N, C-alpha and C. Protein backbone atom coordinates (compact mmCIF):
# COMPACT_ATOMS: atom_id res chain seq x y z
N MET A 1 178.38 26.24 75.60
CA MET A 1 178.15 27.48 76.30
C MET A 1 179.41 27.85 77.06
N PRO A 2 179.86 29.08 76.97
CA PRO A 2 181.05 29.49 77.69
C PRO A 2 180.88 29.30 79.19
N THR A 3 181.94 28.88 79.85
CA THR A 3 181.90 28.62 81.29
C THR A 3 181.46 29.85 82.07
N GLU A 4 181.91 31.03 81.65
CA GLU A 4 181.57 32.24 82.41
C GLU A 4 180.08 32.52 82.44
N MET A 5 179.32 31.96 81.52
CA MET A 5 177.87 32.17 81.54
C MET A 5 177.24 31.55 82.78
N HIS A 6 177.82 30.47 83.27
CA HIS A 6 177.26 29.83 84.46
C HIS A 6 177.40 30.71 85.69
N ASP A 7 178.37 31.62 85.67
CA ASP A 7 178.63 32.49 86.81
C ASP A 7 177.84 33.80 86.76
N LYS A 8 177.24 34.09 85.64
CA LYS A 8 176.55 35.37 85.49
C LYS A 8 175.11 35.25 85.99
N ALA A 9 174.70 36.24 86.75
CA ALA A 9 173.35 36.25 87.28
C ALA A 9 172.40 37.01 86.36
N HIS A 10 172.97 37.79 85.42
CA HIS A 10 172.14 38.61 84.53
C HIS A 10 172.51 38.38 83.07
N ILE A 11 171.54 38.57 82.20
CA ILE A 11 171.73 38.43 80.77
C ILE A 11 171.98 39.82 80.18
N ASP A 12 173.08 39.96 79.47
CA ASP A 12 173.40 41.22 78.81
C ASP A 12 172.90 41.16 77.37
N VAL A 13 171.70 41.69 77.12
CA VAL A 13 171.12 41.62 75.78
C VAL A 13 171.81 42.55 74.80
N PHE A 14 172.71 43.41 75.30
CA PHE A 14 173.44 44.31 74.41
C PHE A 14 174.73 43.68 73.91
N ASP A 15 175.11 42.54 74.48
CA ASP A 15 176.30 41.79 74.05
C ASP A 15 175.83 40.70 73.09
N ARG A 16 176.17 40.85 71.82
CA ARG A 16 175.68 39.93 70.79
C ARG A 16 176.01 38.47 71.10
N ALA A 17 177.24 38.19 71.49
CA ALA A 17 177.65 36.81 71.78
C ALA A 17 176.86 36.24 72.96
N ALA A 18 176.68 37.04 74.00
CA ALA A 18 175.92 36.58 75.17
C ALA A 18 174.47 36.35 74.79
N ARG A 19 173.92 37.26 74.02
CA ARG A 19 172.52 37.14 73.59
C ARG A 19 172.32 35.86 72.78
N GLU A 20 173.22 35.61 71.84
CA GLU A 20 173.13 34.39 71.03
C GLU A 20 173.25 33.14 71.90
N ALA A 21 174.20 33.16 72.83
CA ALA A 21 174.41 32.00 73.69
C ALA A 21 173.21 31.73 74.59
N TRP A 22 172.65 32.78 75.19
CA TRP A 22 171.49 32.58 76.06
C TRP A 22 170.26 32.15 75.25
N ALA A 23 170.07 32.70 74.07
CA ALA A 23 168.95 32.29 73.22
C ALA A 23 169.08 30.80 72.89
N LEU A 24 170.29 30.38 72.56
CA LEU A 24 170.54 28.97 72.27
C LEU A 24 170.30 28.12 73.51
N ARG A 25 170.78 28.57 74.65
CA ARG A 25 170.62 27.84 75.91
C ARG A 25 169.14 27.63 76.24
N PHE A 26 168.32 28.66 76.00
CA PHE A 26 166.90 28.55 76.29
C PHE A 26 166.10 27.97 75.13
N GLY A 27 166.74 27.81 73.98
CA GLY A 27 166.04 27.25 72.81
C GLY A 27 165.01 28.20 72.24
N ILE A 28 165.33 29.50 72.25
CA ILE A 28 164.40 30.53 71.77
C ILE A 28 165.14 31.46 70.82
N THR A 29 164.40 32.33 70.17
CA THR A 29 165.02 33.33 69.31
C THR A 29 165.60 34.46 70.16
N GLU A 30 166.51 35.20 69.57
CA GLU A 30 167.08 36.35 70.27
C GLU A 30 165.99 37.38 70.55
N GLU A 31 165.06 37.53 69.63
CA GLU A 31 163.97 38.50 69.84
C GLU A 31 163.11 38.10 71.04
N ARG A 32 162.83 36.81 71.18
CA ARG A 32 162.04 36.37 72.34
C ARG A 32 162.83 36.59 73.63
N LEU A 33 164.14 36.40 73.57
CA LEU A 33 164.98 36.66 74.73
C LEU A 33 164.92 38.14 75.11
N ARG A 34 165.04 39.00 74.12
CA ARG A 34 164.96 40.45 74.38
C ARG A 34 163.62 40.82 74.99
N LYS A 35 162.55 40.24 74.47
CA LYS A 35 161.22 40.53 75.00
C LYS A 35 161.11 40.07 76.45
N ALA A 36 161.61 38.88 76.74
CA ALA A 36 161.56 38.36 78.11
C ALA A 36 162.31 39.29 79.06
N VAL A 37 163.47 39.78 78.64
CA VAL A 37 164.25 40.69 79.48
C VAL A 37 163.51 42.01 79.66
N ARG A 38 162.85 42.49 78.60
CA ARG A 38 162.07 43.73 78.73
C ARG A 38 160.92 43.55 79.73
N VAL A 39 160.31 42.38 79.72
CA VAL A 39 159.14 42.13 80.57
C VAL A 39 159.52 41.89 82.03
N VAL A 40 160.53 41.03 82.27
CA VAL A 40 160.82 40.62 83.65
C VAL A 40 162.18 41.05 84.17
N GLY A 41 163.01 41.67 83.34
CA GLY A 41 164.34 42.07 83.78
C GLY A 41 165.39 41.07 83.31
N SER A 42 166.62 41.34 83.66
CA SER A 42 167.73 40.57 83.09
C SER A 42 168.25 39.43 83.96
N ARG A 43 167.71 39.24 85.16
CA ARG A 43 168.18 38.15 86.02
C ARG A 43 167.87 36.80 85.36
N VAL A 44 168.90 35.96 85.25
CA VAL A 44 168.77 34.68 84.56
C VAL A 44 167.65 33.83 85.14
N THR A 45 167.57 33.71 86.46
CA THR A 45 166.55 32.86 87.07
C THR A 45 165.14 33.38 86.79
N THR A 46 164.98 34.70 86.75
CA THR A 46 163.67 35.29 86.47
C THR A 46 163.27 35.08 85.02
N VAL A 47 164.22 35.26 84.11
CA VAL A 47 163.96 35.02 82.69
C VAL A 47 163.61 33.55 82.47
N ALA A 48 164.37 32.65 83.10
CA ALA A 48 164.10 31.22 82.97
C ALA A 48 162.69 30.88 83.47
N ALA A 49 162.30 31.44 84.61
CA ALA A 49 160.97 31.19 85.14
C ALA A 49 159.90 31.73 84.19
N TYR A 50 160.12 32.91 83.65
CA TYR A 50 159.19 33.50 82.69
C TYR A 50 159.02 32.60 81.48
N LEU A 51 160.12 31.98 81.06
CA LEU A 51 160.09 31.08 79.90
C LEU A 51 159.63 29.67 80.26
N GLY A 52 159.43 29.41 81.56
CA GLY A 52 159.02 28.09 81.99
C GLY A 52 160.13 27.06 81.93
N GLN A 53 161.36 27.52 82.19
CA GLN A 53 162.53 26.63 82.11
C GLN A 53 163.33 26.68 83.39
N PRO A 54 164.13 25.64 83.63
CA PRO A 54 165.02 25.68 84.80
C PRO A 54 166.03 26.81 84.67
N GLY A 55 166.42 27.42 85.75
CA GLY A 55 167.35 28.54 85.74
C GLY A 55 168.79 28.18 85.53
N HIS A 56 169.16 26.91 85.67
CA HIS A 56 170.57 26.55 85.54
C HIS A 56 170.76 25.42 84.56
């Protein structure tokens, strides 16, 4: 995972590389990541909580 991802508070689902990296980090599909962001917003900690995973 790129180092700069650790510094980002939000997931940019419009950036293909970021979307792929976050989906991999959470162990989910990109579509599930997009759905999570649509439901709860793009904040990493909120998406992680929605997915039942640690935020960092």
